[in-house]
C-alpha cells in the first residue's frame, strides 16, 4: 500500500487559483483569475490565480502562498453563493469602458 507523508497529502489536495476560473466567472461574470489581490496578513500582492486553493471541502478556501493566511472563502449552496474576502486588503476588478 502506498503511504503518503503530510507534505504529499497537502500537495495532492491543493490547486492554484486558476482552478477557480469557472467559479469566479459564475460569481462576477468576468475573468477574475488575473485580478490582483493584496493579502491583509502579509501585504503580498498577486493575481487571484496565484493563491493556493483548497477545493475538497464543503466550500473553497484560498490561502496566501507566502503567509498561508486565508484570503478568500467561497461556499455555494443550492440557493446562494457566499463570498468572504476579509483576508484580502483589496481585490482589483477589471472594468470595461462605458
Protein backbone atom coordinates (compact mmCIF):
# COMPACT_ATOMS: atom_id res chain seq x y z
CA UNK A 1 0.00 0.00 0.00
CA UNK A 2 1.29 3.46 -0.92
CA UNK A 3 1.84 5.71 2.09
CA UNK A 4 2.00 9.49 1.80
CA UNK A 5 3.56 11.90 4.26
CA UNK A 6 1.78 15.10 5.35
CA UNK A 7 3.51 17.25 2.70
CA UNK A 8 2.49 14.86 -0.10
CA UNK A 9 -1.11 14.82 1.13
CA UNK A 10 -1.13 18.62 1.32
CA UNK A 11 0.23 18.89 -2.24
CA UNK A 12 -2.34 16.40 -3.55
CA UNK A 13 -5.21 18.41 -2.05
CA UNK A 14 -4.17 21.86 -3.29
CA UNK A 15 -4.59 23.64 -6.60
CA UNK A 16 -3.71 27.11 -7.76
CA UNK A 17 -6.32 29.81 -8.20
CA UNK A 18 -6.65 29.06 -11.92
CA UNK A 19 -8.76 26.05 -10.93
CA UNK A 20 -11.44 28.51 -9.80
CA UNK A 21 -11.82 30.39 -13.09
CA UNK A 22 -15.31 28.97 -13.67
CA UNK A 23 -16.46 29.75 -10.14
CA UNK A 24 -15.22 33.35 -10.41
CA UNK A 25 -16.88 33.79 -13.81
CA UNK A 26 -20.15 32.49 -12.36
CA UNK A 27 -19.97 34.94 -9.44
CA UNK A 28 -18.57 38.03 -11.18
CA UNK A 29 -19.45 37.43 -14.87
CA UNK A 30 -15.88 38.35 -15.87
CA UNK A 31 -12.48 36.66 -15.89
CA UNK A 32 -11.07 37.18 -12.38
CA UNK A 33 -8.01 34.93 -12.12
CA UNK A 34 -5.71 37.71 -13.40
CA UNK A 35 -7.16 40.25 -10.94
CA UNK A 36 -4.66 41.32 -8.30
CA UNK A 37 -5.42 40.98 -4.60
CA UNK A 38 -3.44 42.06 -1.57
CA UNK A 39 -3.17 39.73 1.42
CA UNK A 40 -4.33 41.57 4.54
CA UNK A 41 -1.89 39.50 6.60
CA UNK A 42 1.49 40.00 4.95
CA UNK A 43 0.79 42.57 2.24
CA UNK A 44 1.69 40.28 -0.67
CA UNK A 45 0.11 41.38 -3.94
CA UNK A 46 -0.56 38.80 -6.63
CA UNK A 47 -3.15 37.58 -9.07
CA UNK A 48 -6.00 35.51 -7.64
CA UNK A 49 -4.63 32.66 -9.76
CA UNK A 50 -1.50 32.60 -7.57
CA UNK A 51 -3.41 31.88 -4.35
CA UNK A 52 -3.35 28.31 -3.07
CA UNK A 53 -6.82 26.79 -3.47
CA UNK A 54 -8.32 24.04 -1.34
CA UNK A 55 -11.42 22.74 -3.10
CA UNK A 56 -12.17 19.37 -1.48
CA UNK A 57 -14.45 20.53 1.28
CA UNK A 58 -17.95 21.90 1.60
CA UNK A 59 -16.51 25.22 0.42
CA UNK A 60 -13.42 26.64 -1.27
CA UNK A 61 -10.58 28.20 0.69
CA UNK A 62 -7.86 30.27 -0.99
CA UNK A 63 -4.70 30.99 1.00
CA UNK A 64 -1.78 33.34 0.52
CA UNK A 65 1.24 31.37 -0.77
CA UNK A 66 3.59 33.50 1.37
CA UNK A 67 1.98 33.57 4.85
CA UNK A 68 -0.76 30.92 4.38
CA UNK A 69 -3.49 33.26 5.70
CA UNK A 70 -6.98 32.61 4.35
CA UNK A 71 -7.65 35.34 1.77
CA UNK A 72 -10.94 34.19 0.19
CA UNK A 73 -13.64 31.69 1.14
CA UNK A 74 -16.44 30.66 -1.22
CA UNK A 75 -19.40 28.48 -0.31
CA UNK A 76 -22.09 27.60 -2.84
CA UNK A 77 -25.47 26.32 -1.71
CA UNK A 78 -28.47 25.43 -3.85
CA UNK A 79 -29.91 28.92 -3.29
CA UNK A 80 -26.91 31.26 -2.86
CA UNK A 81 -23.18 31.84 -3.14
CA UNK A 82 -21.31 33.18 -0.11
CA UNK A 83 -18.04 35.03 -0.65
CA UNK A 84 -15.85 36.03 2.29
CA UNK A 85 -12.81 38.07 1.25
CA UNK A 86 -11.94 39.62 4.61
CA UNK A 87 -8.44 38.16 4.29
CA UNK A 88 -7.84 40.48 1.32
CA UNK A 89 -6.93 44.13 1.83
CA UNK A 90 -8.34 44.56 -1.68
CA UNK A 91 -9.21 42.74 -4.89
CA UNK A 92 -8.98 44.86 -8.03
CA UNK A 93 -11.77 44.11 -10.53
CA UNK A 94 -11.43 44.68 -14.27
CA UNK A 95 -13.65 47.43 -15.61
CA UNK A 96 -14.92 47.68 -19.15
CA UNK A 97 -15.20 51.03 -20.90
CA UNK A 98 -18.70 52.57 -20.85
